[in-house]
Amino acid sequence: RARQAGAIIYYDVNFRPSHQNEVVKIRPQLLENFEYA
């Protein structure tokens, strides 16, 4: 909705080491976030 409206999208990655074992699992969402931002 933000992209459709022409808003500025600011993404703070802020990915903690405690989630390192989930990096592979969340990669599709991460790349999608990069593309939106």
Full PDB file with SEQRES, HELIX, SHEET, SSBOND, CRYST1, ORIGX, SCALE, CONECT and MASTER records, all heavy atoms in Angstrom:
SEQRES   1 A   37  ARG ALA ARG GLN ALA GLY ALA ILE ILE TYR TYR ASP VAL          
SEQRES   2 A   37  ASN PHE ARG PRO SER HIS GLN ASN GLU VAL VAL LYS ILE          
SEQRES   3 A   37  ARG PRO GLN LEU LEU GLU ASN PHE GLU TYR ALA                  
HELIX    1 AA1 ALA A    2  ALA A    5  1                                   4    
HELIX    2 AA2 PRO A   17  GLU A   22  5                                   6    
HELIX    3 AA3 VAL A   23  TYR A   36  1                                  14    
CRYST1    1.000    1.000    1.000  90.00  90.00  90.00 P 1           1          
ORIGX1      1.000000  0.000000  0.000000        0.00000                         
ORIGX2      0.000000  1.000000  0.000000        0.00000                         
ORIGX3      0.000000  0.000000  1.000000        0.00000                         
SCALE1      1.000000  0.000000  0.000000        0.00000                         
SCALE2      0.000000  1.000000  0.000000        0.00000                         
SCALE3      0.000000  0.000000  1.000000        0.00000                         
ATOM      1  N   ARG A   1       0.832  -1.207   0.000  1.00  0.00           N  
ATOM      2  CA  ARG A   1       0.000   0.000   0.000  1.00  0.00           C  
ATOM      3  C   ARG A   1       0.869   1.261   0.000  1.00  0.00           C  
ATOM      4  O   ARG A   1       0.538   2.256  -0.659  1.00  0.00           O  
ATOM      5  CB  ARG A   1      -0.917  -0.007   1.221  1.00  0.00           C  
ATOM      6  CG  ARG A   1      -2.016  -1.057   1.155  1.00  0.00           C  
ATOM      7  CD  ARG A   1      -2.831  -1.087   2.428  1.00  0.00           C  
ATOM      8  NE  ARG A   1      -3.855  -2.120   2.383  1.00  0.00           N  
ATOM      9  CZ  ARG A   1      -5.149  -1.923   2.659  1.00  0.00           C  
ATOM     10  NH1 ARG A   1      -5.576  -0.719   3.019  1.00  0.00           N  
ATOM     11  NH2 ARG A   1      -6.012  -2.913   2.587  1.00  0.00           N  
ATOM     12  N   ALA A   2       1.970   1.214   0.751  1.00  0.00           N  
ATOM     13  CA  ALA A   2       2.875   2.368   0.796  1.00  0.00           C  
ATOM     14  C   ALA A   2       3.494   2.632  -0.564  1.00  0.00           C  
ATOM     15  O   ALA A   2       3.579   3.787  -1.011  1.00  0.00           O  
ATOM     16  CB  ALA A   2       3.958   2.136   1.842  1.00  0.00           C  
ATOM     17  N   ARG A   3       3.920   1.577  -1.232  1.00  0.00           N  
ATOM     18  CA  ARG A   3       4.497   1.740  -2.568  1.00  0.00           C  
ATOM     19  C   ARG A   3       3.464   2.275  -3.541  1.00  0.00           C  
ATOM     20  O   ARG A   3       3.723   3.192  -4.327  1.00  0.00           O  
ATOM     21  CB  ARG A   3       5.050   0.390  -3.055  1.00  0.00           C  
ATOM     22  CG  ARG A   3       5.525   0.350  -4.491  1.00  0.00           C  
ATOM     23  CD  ARG A   3       6.629   1.358  -4.782  1.00  0.00           C  
ATOM     24  NE  ARG A   3       7.835   1.043  -4.072  1.00  0.00           N  
ATOM     25  CZ  ARG A   3       8.381   1.819  -3.133  1.00  0.00           C  
ATOM     26  NH1 ARG A   3       7.822   2.973  -2.805  1.00  0.00           N  
ATOM     27  NH2 ARG A   3       9.485   1.478  -2.519  1.00  0.00           N  
ATOM     28  N   GLN A   4       2.261   1.738  -3.489  1.00  0.00           N  
ATOM     29  CA  GLN A   4       1.192   2.178  -4.383  1.00  0.00           C  
ATOM     30  C   GLN A   4       0.855   3.657  -4.156  1.00  0.00           C  
ATOM     31  O   GLN A   4       0.531   4.383  -5.092  1.00  0.00           O  
ATOM     32  CB  GLN A   4      -0.039   1.301  -4.169  1.00  0.00           C  
ATOM     33  CG  GLN A   4      -1.156   1.507  -5.174  1.00  0.00           C  
ATOM     34  CD  GLN A   4      -2.286   0.513  -4.974  1.00  0.00           C  
ATOM     35  OE1 GLN A   4      -2.759   0.288  -3.856  1.00  0.00           O  
ATOM     36  NE2 GLN A   4      -2.729  -0.102  -6.055  1.00  0.00           N  
ATOM     37  N   ALA A   5       0.934   4.100  -2.896  1.00  0.00           N  
ATOM     38  CA  ALA A   5       0.594   5.487  -2.558  1.00  0.00           C  
ATOM     39  C   ALA A   5       1.719   6.469  -2.867  1.00  0.00           C  
ATOM     40  O   ALA A   5       1.505   7.685  -2.809  1.00  0.00           O  
ATOM     41  CB  ALA A   5       0.230   5.574  -1.078  1.00  0.00           C  
ATOM     42  N   GLY A   6       2.918   5.976  -3.144  1.00  0.00           N  
ATOM     43  CA  GLY A   6       4.039   6.863  -3.409  1.00  0.00           C  
ATOM     44  C   GLY A   6       4.741   7.347  -2.162  1.00  0.00           C  
ATOM     45  O   GLY A   6       5.350   8.430  -2.156  1.00  0.00           O  
ATOM     46  N   ALA A   7       4.662   6.548  -1.087  1.00  0.00           N  
ATOM     47  CA  ALA A   7       5.350   6.890   0.157  1.00  0.00           C  
ATOM     48  C   ALA A   7       6.823   6.504   0.082  1.00  0.00           C  
ATOM     49  O   ALA A   7       7.232   5.695  -0.762  1.00  0.00           O  
ATOM     50  CB  ALA A   7       4.684   6.179   1.334  1.00  0.00           C  
ATOM     51  N   ILE A   8       7.623   7.064   0.962  1.00  0.00           N  
ATOM     52  CA  ILE A   8       9.028   6.677   1.127  1.00  0.00           C  
ATOM     53  C   ILE A   8       9.079   5.516   2.115  1.00  0.00           C  
ATOM     54  O   ILE A   8       8.505   5.596   3.202  1.00  0.00           O  
ATOM     55  CB  ILE A   8       9.863   7.849   1.662  1.00  0.00           C  
ATOM     56  CG1 ILE A   8       9.867   9.008   0.655  1.00  0.00           C  
ATOM     57  CG2 ILE A   8      11.291   7.411   1.982  1.00  0.00           C  
ATOM     58  CD1 ILE A   8      10.476  10.299   1.206  1.00  0.00           C  
ATOM     59  N   ILE A   9       9.758   4.444   1.749  1.00  0.00           N  
ATOM     60  CA  ILE A   9       9.859   3.268   2.613  1.00  0.00           C  
ATOM     61  C   ILE A   9      11.297   3.150   3.117  1.00  0.00           C  
ATOM     62  O   ILE A   9      12.237   3.033   2.329  1.00  0.00           O  
ATOM     63  CB  ILE A   9       9.430   1.994   1.873  1.00  0.00           C  
ATOM     64  CG1 ILE A   9       7.976   2.130   1.389  1.00  0.00           C  
ATOM     65  CG2 ILE A   9       9.585   0.773   2.767  1.00  0.00           C  
ATOM     66  CD1 ILE A   9       7.469   0.945   0.585  1.00  0.00           C  
ATOM     67  N   TYR A  10      11.436   3.178   4.431  1.00  0.00           N  
ATOM     68  CA  TYR A  10      12.749   3.156   5.104  1.00  0.00           C  
ATOM     69  C   TYR A  10      12.846   1.844   5.881  1.00  0.00           C  
ATOM     70  O   TYR A  10      12.052   1.580   6.778  1.00  0.00           O  
ATOM     71  CB  TYR A  10      12.846   4.352   6.048  1.00  0.00           C  
ATOM     72  CG  TYR A  10      14.170   4.533   6.769  1.00  0.00           C  
ATOM     73  CD1 TYR A  10      15.060   5.536   6.390  1.00  0.00           C  
ATOM     74  CD2 TYR A  10      14.527   3.732   7.853  1.00  0.00           C  
ATOM     75  CE1 TYR A  10      16.261   5.729   7.061  1.00  0.00           C  
ATOM     76  CE2 TYR A  10      15.726   3.919   8.526  1.00  0.00           C  
ATOM     77  CZ  TYR A  10      16.590   4.921   8.128  1.00  0.00           C  
ATOM     78  OH  TYR A  10      17.780   5.102   8.815  1.00  0.00           O  
ATOM     79  N   TYR A  11      13.839   1.030   5.530  1.00  0.00           N  
ATOM     80  CA  TYR A  11      14.005  -0.305   6.113  1.00  0.00           C  
ATOM     81  C   TYR A  11      15.256  -0.348   6.982  1.00  0.00           C  
ATOM     82  O   TYR A  11      16.368  -0.185   6.490  1.00  0.00           O  
ATOM     83  CB  TYR A  11      14.097  -1.342   5.000  1.00  0.00           C  
ATOM     84  CG  TYR A  11      14.285  -2.771   5.450  1.00  0.00           C  
ATOM     85  CD1 TYR A  11      13.755  -3.248   6.646  1.00  0.00           C  
ATOM     86  CD2 TYR A  11      14.990  -3.670   4.651  1.00  0.00           C  
ATOM     87  CE1 TYR A  11      13.923  -4.562   7.039  1.00  0.00           C  
ATOM     88  CE2 TYR A  11      15.163  -4.999   5.025  1.00  0.00           C  
ATOM     89  CZ  TYR A  11      14.627  -5.445   6.219  1.00  0.00           C  
ATOM     90  OH  TYR A  11      14.800  -6.751   6.604  1.00  0.00           O  
ATOM     91  N   ASP A  12      15.064  -0.557   8.287  1.00  0.00           N  
ATOM     92  CA  ASP A  12      16.178  -0.757   9.219  1.00  0.00           C  
ATOM     93  C   ASP A  12      16.356  -2.252   9.423  1.00  0.00           C  
ATOM     94  O   ASP A  12      15.550  -2.896  10.091  1.00  0.00           O  
ATOM     95  CB  ASP A  12      15.869  -0.063  10.555  1.00  0.00           C  
ATOM     96  CG  ASP A  12      16.932  -0.334  11.609  1.00  0.00           C  
ATOM     97  OD1 ASP A  12      18.065  -0.704  11.225  1.00  0.00           O  
ATOM     98  OD2 ASP A  12      16.631  -0.186  12.809  1.00  0.00           O  
ATOM     99  N   VAL A  13      17.407  -2.827   8.865  1.00  0.00           N  
ATOM    100  CA  VAL A  13      17.601  -4.283   8.882  1.00  0.00           C  
ATOM    101  C   VAL A  13      17.616  -4.829  10.305  1.00  0.00           C  
ATOM    102  O   VAL A  13      16.878  -5.758  10.641  1.00  0.00           O  
ATOM    103  CB  VAL A  13      18.899  -4.651   8.137  1.00  0.00           C  
ATOM    104  CG1 VAL A  13      19.149  -6.149   8.222  1.00  0.00           C  
ATOM    105  CG2 VAL A  13      18.806  -4.216   6.673  1.00  0.00           C  
ATOM    106  N   ASN A  14      18.489  -4.316  11.156  1.00  0.00           N  
ATOM    107  CA  ASN A  14      18.511  -4.629  12.593  1.00  0.00           C  
ATOM    108  C   ASN A  14      18.304  -6.111  12.875  1.00  0.00           C  
ATOM    109  O   ASN A  14      17.400  -6.506  13.610  1.00  0.00           O  
ATOM    110  CB  ASN A  14      17.437  -3.791  13.316  1.00  0.00           C  
ATOM    111  CG  ASN A  14      17.648  -3.756  14.819  1.00  0.00           C  
ATOM    112  OD1 ASN A  14      18.749  -4.018  15.324  1.00  0.00           O  
ATOM    113  ND2 ASN A  14      16.596  -3.444  15.549  1.00  0.00           N  
ATOM    114  N   PHE A  15      19.167  -6.955  12.308  1.00  0.00           N  
ATOM    115  CA  PHE A  15      19.023  -8.410  12.417  1.00  0.00           C  
ATOM    116  C   PHE A  15      20.016  -8.937  13.445  1.00  0.00           C  
ATOM    117  O   PHE A  15      21.218  -8.930  13.230  1.00  0.00           O  
ATOM    118  CB  PHE A  15      19.253  -9.074  11.063  1.00  0.00           C  
ATOM    119  CG  PHE A  15      18.708 -10.458  10.971  1.00  0.00           C  
ATOM    120  CD1 PHE A  15      17.386 -10.679  10.613  1.00  0.00           C  
ATOM    121  CD2 PHE A  15      19.519 -11.557  11.243  1.00  0.00           C  
ATOM    122  CE1 PHE A  15      16.872 -11.968  10.530  1.00  0.00           C  
ATOM    123  CE2 PHE A  15      19.018 -12.840  11.167  1.00  0.00           C  
ATOM    124  CZ  PHE A  15      17.689 -13.052  10.805  1.00  0.00           C  
ATOM    125  N   ARG A  16      19.496  -9.404  14.564  1.00  0.00           N  
ATOM    126  CA  ARG A  16      20.346  -9.786  15.691  1.00  0.00           C  
ATOM    127  C   ARG A  16      20.982 -11.169  15.503  1.00  0.00           C  
ATOM    128  O   ARG A  16      20.399 -12.050  14.866  1.00  0.00           O  
ATOM    129  CB  ARG A  16      19.534  -9.773  16.990  1.00  0.00           C  
ATOM    130  CG  ARG A  16      18.950  -8.415  17.322  1.00  0.00           C  
ATOM    131  CD  ARG A  16      18.289  -8.428  18.688  1.00  0.00           C  
ATOM    132  NE  ARG A  16      17.625  -7.151  18.963  1.00  0.00           N  
ATOM    133  CZ  ARG A  16      18.238  -6.053  19.366  1.00  0.00           C  
ATOM    134  NH1 ARG A  16      19.545  -6.060  19.542  1.00  0.00           N  
ATOM    135  NH2 ARG A  16      17.554  -4.939  19.593  1.00  0.00           N  
ATOM    136  N   PRO A  17      22.174 -11.374  16.096  1.00  0.00           N  
ATOM    137  CA  PRO A  17      22.826 -12.687  16.007  1.00  0.00           C  
ATOM    138  C   PRO A  17      21.976 -13.834  16.538  1.00  0.00           C  
ATOM    139  O   PRO A  17      22.148 -14.974  16.108  1.00  0.00           O  
ATOM    140  CB  PRO A  17      24.095 -12.491  16.859  1.00  0.00           C  
ATOM    141  CG  PRO A  17      24.367 -11.030  16.815  1.00  0.00           C  
ATOM    142  CD  PRO A  17      23.025 -10.370  16.766  1.00  0.00           C  
ATOM    143  N   SER A  18      21.049 -13.539  17.454  1.00  0.00           N  
ATOM    144  CA  SER A  18      20.209 -14.610  18.008  1.00  0.00           C  
ATOM    145  C   SER A  18      19.326 -15.265  16.949  1.00  0.00           C  
ATOM    146  O   SER A  18      18.823 -16.368  17.146  1.00  0.00           O  
ATOM    147  CB  SER A  18      19.335 -14.061  19.140  1.00  0.00           C  
ATOM    148  OG  SER A  18      18.519 -12.994  18.687  1.00  0.00           O  
ATOM    149  N   HIS A  19      19.142 -14.585  15.800  1.00  0.00           N  
ATOM    150  CA  HIS A  19      18.327 -15.145  14.715  1.00  0.00           C  
ATOM    151  C   HIS A  19      19.183 -15.701  13.575  1.00  0.00           C  
ATOM    152  O   HIS A  19      18.663 -15.997  12.497  1.00  0.00           O  
ATOM    153  CB  HIS A  19      17.389 -14.075  14.156  1.00  0.00           C  
ATOM    154  CG  HIS A  19      16.295 -13.668  15.092  1.00  0.00           C  
ATOM    155  ND1 HIS A  19      15.305 -14.540  15.498  1.00  0.00           N  
ATOM    156  CD2 HIS A  19      16.038 -12.489  15.699  1.00  0.00           C  
ATOM    157  CE1 HIS A  19      14.471 -13.907  16.309  1.00  0.00           C  
ATOM    158  NE2 HIS A  19      14.910 -12.661  16.465  1.00  0.00           N  
ATOM    159  N   GLN A  20      20.496 -15.862  13.809  1.00  0.00           N  
ATOM    160  CA  GLN A  20      21.393 -16.271  12.724  1.00  0.00           C  
ATOM    161  C   GLN A  20      20.998 -17.617  12.120  1.00  0.00           C  
ATOM    162  O   GLN A  20      21.135 -17.828  10.913  1.00  0.00           O  
ATOM    163  CB  GLN A  20      22.834 -16.334  13.236  1.00  0.00           C  
ATOM    164  CG  GLN A  20      23.855 -16.571  12.115  1.00  0.00           C  
ATOM    165  CD  GLN A  20      25.249 -16.157  12.518  1.00  0.00           C  
ATOM    166  OE1 GLN A  20      25.566 -16.068  13.697  1.00  0.00           O  
ATOM    167  NE2 GLN A  20      26.108 -15.891  11.546  1.00  0.00           N  
ATOM    168  N   ASN A  21      20.478 -18.518  12.941  1.00  0.00           N  
ATOM    169  CA  ASN A  21      20.107 -19.838  12.427  1.00  0.00           C  
ATOM    170  C   ASN A  21      18.870 -19.785  11.523  1.00  0.00           C  
ATOM    171  O   ASN A  21      18.503 -20.802  10.916  1.00  0.00           O  
ATOM    172  CB  ASN A  21      19.859 -20.824  13.572  1.00  0.00           C  
ATOM    173  CG  ASN A  21      18.707 -20.409  14.471  1.00  0.00           C  
ATOM    174  OD1 ASN A  21      18.344 -19.236  14.512  1.00  0.00           O  
ATOM    175  ND2 ASN A  21      18.133 -21.360  15.186  1.00  0.00           N  
ATOM    176  N   GLU A  22      18.242 -18.623  11.407  1.00  0.00           N  
ATOM    177  CA  GLU A  22      17.044 -18.485  10.571  1.00  0.00           C  
ATOM    178  C   GLU A  22      17.314 -17.696   9.296  1.00  0.00           C  
ATOM    179  O   GLU A  22      16.379 -17.406   8.547  1.00  0.00           O  
ATOM    180  CB  GLU A  22      15.922 -17.819  11.372  1.00  0.00           C  
ATOM    181  CG  GLU A  22      15.522 -18.603  12.619  1.00  0.00           C  
ATOM    182  CD  GLU A  22      14.413 -17.927  13.397  1.00  0.00           C  
ATOM    183  OE1 GLU A  22      13.263 -18.008  12.948  1.00  0.00           O  
ATOM    184  OE2 GLU A  22      14.715 -17.332  14.452  1.00  0.00           O  
ATOM    185  N   VAL A  23      18.580 -17.362   9.027  1.00  0.00           N  
ATOM    186  CA  VAL A  23      18.914 -16.514   7.883  1.00  0.00           C  
ATOM    187  C   VAL A  23      18.431 -17.119   6.572  1.00  0.00           C  
ATOM    188  O   VAL A  23      17.814 -16.437   5.737  1.00  0.00           O  
ATOM    189  CB  VAL A  23      20.431 -16.236   7.828  1.00  0.00           C  
ATOM    190  CG1 VAL A  23      20.814 -15.610   6.494  1.00  0.00           C  
ATOM    191  CG2 VAL A  23      20.856 -15.320   8.970  1.00  0.00           C  
ATOM    192  N   VAL A  24      18.678 -18.411   6.375  1.00  0.00           N  
ATOM    193  CA  VAL A  24      18.277 -19.057   5.120  1.00  0.00           C  
ATOM    194  C   VAL A  24      16.761 -19.045   4.975  1.00  0.00           C  
ATOM    195  O   VAL A  24      16.221 -18.763   3.895  1.00  0.00           O  
ATOM    196  CB  VAL A  24      18.821 -20.497   5.055  1.00  0.00           C  
ATOM    197  CG1 VAL A  24      18.267 -21.224   3.827  1.00  0.00           C  
ATOM    198  CG2 VAL A  24      20.343 -20.487   5.015  1.00  0.00           C  
ATOM    199  N   LYS A  25      16.065 -19.301   6.055  1.00  0.00           N  
ATOM    200  CA  LYS A  25      14.601 -19.393   6.016  1.00  0.00           C  
ATOM    201  C   LYS A  25      13.942 -18.061   5.692  1.00  0.00           C  
ATOM    202  O   LYS A  25      12.929 -18.020   4.992  1.00  0.00           O  
ATOM    203  CB  LYS A  25      14.099 -19.908   7.366  1.00  0.00           C  
ATOM    204  CG  LYS A  25      12.600 -20.139   7.415  1.00  0.00           C  
ATOM    205  CD  LYS A  25      12.181 -20.890   8.664  1.00  0.00           C  
ATOM    206  CE  LYS A  25      12.427 -20.072   9.920  1.00  0.00           C  
ATOM    207  NZ  LYS A  25      11.914 -20.748  11.141  1.00  0.00           N  
ATOM    208  N   ILE A  26      14.514 -16.949   6.177  1.00  0.00           N  
ATOM    209  CA  ILE A  26      13.858 -15.651   5.979  1.00  0.00           C  
ATOM    210  C   ILE A  26      14.402 -14.892   4.766  1.00  0.00           C  
ATOM    211  O   ILE A  26      13.966 -13.766   4.492  1.00  0.00           O  
ATOM    212  CB  ILE A  26      13.986 -14.770   7.251  1.00  0.00           C  
ATOM    213  CG1 ILE A  26      15.454 -14.508   7.643  1.00  0.00           C  
ATOM    214  CG2 ILE A  26      13.223 -15.412   8.407  1.00  0.00           C  
ATOM    215  CD1 ILE A  26      16.130 -13.340   6.974  1.00  0.00           C  
ATOM    216  N   ARG A  27      15.320 -15.478   4.024  1.00  0.00           N  
ATOM    217  CA  ARG A  27      15.944 -14.758   2.901  1.00  0.00           C  
ATOM    218  C   ARG A  27      14.916 -14.245   1.877  1.00  0.00           C  
ATOM    219  O   ARG A  27      15.042 -13.108   1.403  1.00  0.00           O  
ATOM    220  CB  ARG A  27      16.990 -15.630   2.216  1.00  0.00           C  
ATOM    221  CG  ARG A  27      17.770 -14.882   1.138  1.00  0.00           C  
ATOM    222  CD  ARG A  27      18.930 -15.687   0.590  1.00  0.00           C  
ATOM    223  NE  ARG A  27      19.583 -14.999  -0.501  1.00  0.00           N  
ATOM    224  CZ  ARG A  27      20.515 -14.060  -0.375  1.00  0.00           C  
ATOM    225  NH1 ARG A  27      20.910 -13.682   0.829  1.00  0.00           N  
ATOM    226  NH2 ARG A  27      21.054 -13.477  -1.432  1.00  0.00           N  
ATOM    227  N   PRO A  28      13.888 -15.018   1.498  1.00  0.00           N  
ATOM    228  CA  PRO A  28      12.916 -14.465   0.541  1.00  0.00           C  
ATOM    229  C   PRO A  28      12.240 -13.190   1.050  1.00  0.00           C  
ATOM    230  O   PRO A  28      12.051 -12.237   0.291  1.00  0.00           O  
ATOM    231  CB  PRO A  28      11.901 -15.608   0.378  1.00  0.00           C  
ATOM    232  CG  PRO A  28      12.672 -16.843   0.705  1.00  0.00           C  
ATOM    233  CD  PRO A  28      13.603 -16.437   1.799  1.00  0.00           C  
ATOM    234  N   GLN A  29      11.862 -13.172   2.329  1.00  0.00           N  
ATOM    235  CA  GLN A  29      11.243 -11.984   2.899  1.00  0.00           C  
ATOM    236  C   GLN A  29      12.234 -10.817   2.948  1.00  0.00           C  
ATOM    237  O   GLN A  29      11.880  -9.661   2.705  1.00  0.00           O  
ATOM    238  CB  GLN A  29      10.711 -12.267   4.309  1.00  0.00           C  
ATOM    239  CG  GLN A  29       9.549 -13.252   4.342  1.00  0.00           C  
ATOM    240  CD  GLN A  29      10.022 -14.668   4.604  1.00  0.00           C  
ATOM    241  OE1 GLN A  29      11.045 -15.104   4.086  1.00  0.00           O  
ATOM    242  NE2 GLN A  29       9.264 -15.401   5.413  1.00  0.00           N  
ATOM    243  N   LEU A  30      13.496 -11.125   3.272  1.00  0.00           N  
ATOM    244  CA  LEU A  30      14.533 -10.097   3.327  1.00  0.00           C  
ATOM    245  C   LEU A  30      14.711  -9.427   1.970  1.00  0.00           C  
ATOM    246  O   LEU A  30      14.737  -8.194   1.873  1.00  0.00           O  
ATOM    247  CB  LEU A  30      15.852 -10.725   3.790  1.00  0.00           C  
ATOM    248  CG  LEU A  30      17.062  -9.793   3.836  1.00  0.00           C  
ATOM    249  CD1 LEU A  30      16.946  -8.837   5.006  1.00  0.00           C  
ATOM    250  CD2 LEU A  30      18.354 -10.609   3.935  1.00  0.00           C  
ATOM    251  N   LEU A  31      14.818 -10.227   0.918  1.00  0.00           N  
ATOM    252  CA  LEU A  31      15.007  -9.670  -0.416  1.00  0.00           C  
ATOM    253  C   LEU A  31      13.781  -8.882  -0.869  1.00  0.00           C  
ATOM    254  O   LEU A  31      13.908  -7.849  -1.546  1.00  0.00           O  
ATOM    255  CB  LEU A  31      15.332 -10.793  -1.411  1.00  0.00           C  
ATOM    256  CG  LEU A  31      16.629 -11.560  -1.146  1.00  0.00           C  
ATOM    257  CD1 LEU A  31      16.858 -12.605  -2.222  1.00  0.00           C  
ATOM    258  CD2 LEU A  31      17.830 -10.630  -1.038  1.00  0.00           C  
ATOM    259  N   GLU A  32      12.594  -9.357  -0.494  1.00  0.00           N  
ATOM    260  CA  GLU A  32      11.385  -8.611  -0.815  1.00  0.00           C  
ATOM    261  C   GLU A  32      11.386  -7.254  -0.105  1.00  0.00           C  
ATOM    262  O   GLU A  32      10.991  -6.240  -0.685  1.00  0.00           O  
ATOM    263  CB  GLU A  32      10.150  -9.408  -0.432  1.00  0.00           C  
ATOM    264  CG  GLU A  32       8.853  -8.755  -0.887  1.00  0.00           C  
ATOM    265  CD  GLU A  32       7.629  -9.585  -0.535  1.00  0.00           C  
ATOM    266  OE1 GLU A  32       7.507 -10.022   0.629  1.00  0.00           O  
ATOM    267  OE2 GLU A  32       6.796  -9.800  -1.437  1.00  0.00           O  
ATOM    268  N   ASN A  33      11.855  -7.232   1.136  1.00  0.00           N  
ATOM    269  CA  ASN A  33      11.969  -5.963   1.869  1.00  0.00           C  
ATOM    270  C   ASN A  33      12.933  -5.010   1.164  1.00  0.00           C  
ATOM    271  O   ASN A  33      12.671  -3.806   1.050  1.00  0.00           O  
ATOM    272  CB  ASN A  33      12.434  -6.210   3.297  1.00  0.00           C  
ATOM    273  CG  ASN A  33      11.382  -6.853   4.165  1.00  0.00           C  
ATOM    274  OD1 ASN A  33      10.200  -6.862   3.822  1.00  0.00           O  
ATOM    275  ND2 ASN A  33      11.792  -7.411   5.295  1.00  0.00           N  
ATOM    276  N   PHE A  34      14.074  -5.540   0.717  1.00  0.00           N  
ATOM    277  CA  PHE A  34      15.023  -4.718  -0.026  1.00  0.00           C  
ATOM    278  C   PHE A  34      14.352  -4.113  -1.263  1.00  0.00           C  
ATOM    279  O   PHE A  34      14.561  -2.942  -1.596  1.00  0.00           O  
ATOM    280  CB  PHE A  34      16.222  -5.556  -0.476  1.00  0.00           C  
ATOM    281  CG  PHE A  34      17.202  -5.910   0.612  1.00  0.00           C  
ATOM    282  CD1 PHE A  34      18.179  -6.869   0.385  1.00  0.00           C  
ATOM    283  CD2 PHE A  34      17.164  -5.284   1.846  1.00  0.00           C  
ATOM    284  CE1 PHE A  34      19.096  -7.198   1.373  1.00  0.00           C  
ATOM    285  CE2 PHE A  34      18.078  -5.614   2.842  1.00  0.00           C  
ATOM    286  CZ  PHE A  34      19.047  -6.574   2.599  1.00  0.00           C  
ATOM    287  N   GLU A  35      13.553  -4.924  -1.942  1.00  0.00           N  
ATOM    288  CA  GLU A  35      12.934  -4.453  -3.178  1.00  0.00           C  
ATOM    289  C   GLU A  35      11.880  -3.379  -2.925  1.00  0.00           C  
ATOM    290  O   GLU A  35      11.726  -2.450  -3.709  1.00  0.00           O  
ATOM    291  CB  GLU A  35      12.319  -5.634  -3.931  1.00  0.00           C  
ATOM    292  CG  GLU A  35      11.921  -5.294  -5.342  1.00  0.00           C  
ATOM    293  CD  GLU A  35      11.935  -6.509  -6.249  1.00  0.00           C  
ATOM    294  OE1 GLU A  35      11.856  -7.635  -5.738  1.00  0.00           O  
ATOM    295  OE2 GLU A  35      12.023  -6.314  -7.478  1.00  0.00           O  
ATOM    296  N   TYR A  36      11.166  -3.494  -1.817  1.00  0.00           N  
ATOM    297  CA  TYR A  36      10.184  -2.471  -1.463  1.00  0.00           C  
ATOM    298  C   TYR A  36      10.853  -1.165  -1.027  1.00  0.00           C  
ATOM    299  O   TYR A  36      10.311  -0.076  -1.240  1.00  0.00           O  
ATOM    300  CB  TYR A  36       9.296  -2.954  -0.321  1.00  0.00           C  
ATOM    301  CG  TYR A  36       8.063  -3.720  -0.742  1.00  0.00           C  
ATOM    302  CD1 TYR A  36       7.853  -5.034  -0.314  1.00  0.00           C  
ATOM    303  CD2 TYR A  36       7.084  -3.128  -1.548  1.00  0.00           C  
ATOM    304  CE1 TYR A  36       6.712  -5.735  -0.685  1.00  0.00           C  
ATOM    305  CE2 TYR A  36       5.949  -3.821  -1.913  1.00  0.00           C  
ATOM    306  CZ  TYR A  36       5.760  -5.118  -1.488  1.00  0.00           C  
ATOM    307  OH  TYR A  36       4.636  -5.798  -1.852  1.00  0.00           O  
ATOM    308  N   ALA A  37      12.017  -1.261  -0.412  1.00  0.00           N  
ATOM    309  CA  ALA A  37      12.605  -0.116   0.281  1.00  0.00           C  
ATOM    310  C   ALA A  37      13.181   0.921  -0.671  1.00  0.00           C  
ATOM    311  O   ALA A  37      13.769   0.594  -1.706  1.00  0.00           O  
ATOM    312  CB  ALA A  37      13.688  -0.589   1.244  1.00  0.00           C  
TER     313      ALA A  37                                                      
MASTER        0    0    0    3    0    0    0    6  312    1    0    3          
END                                                                             
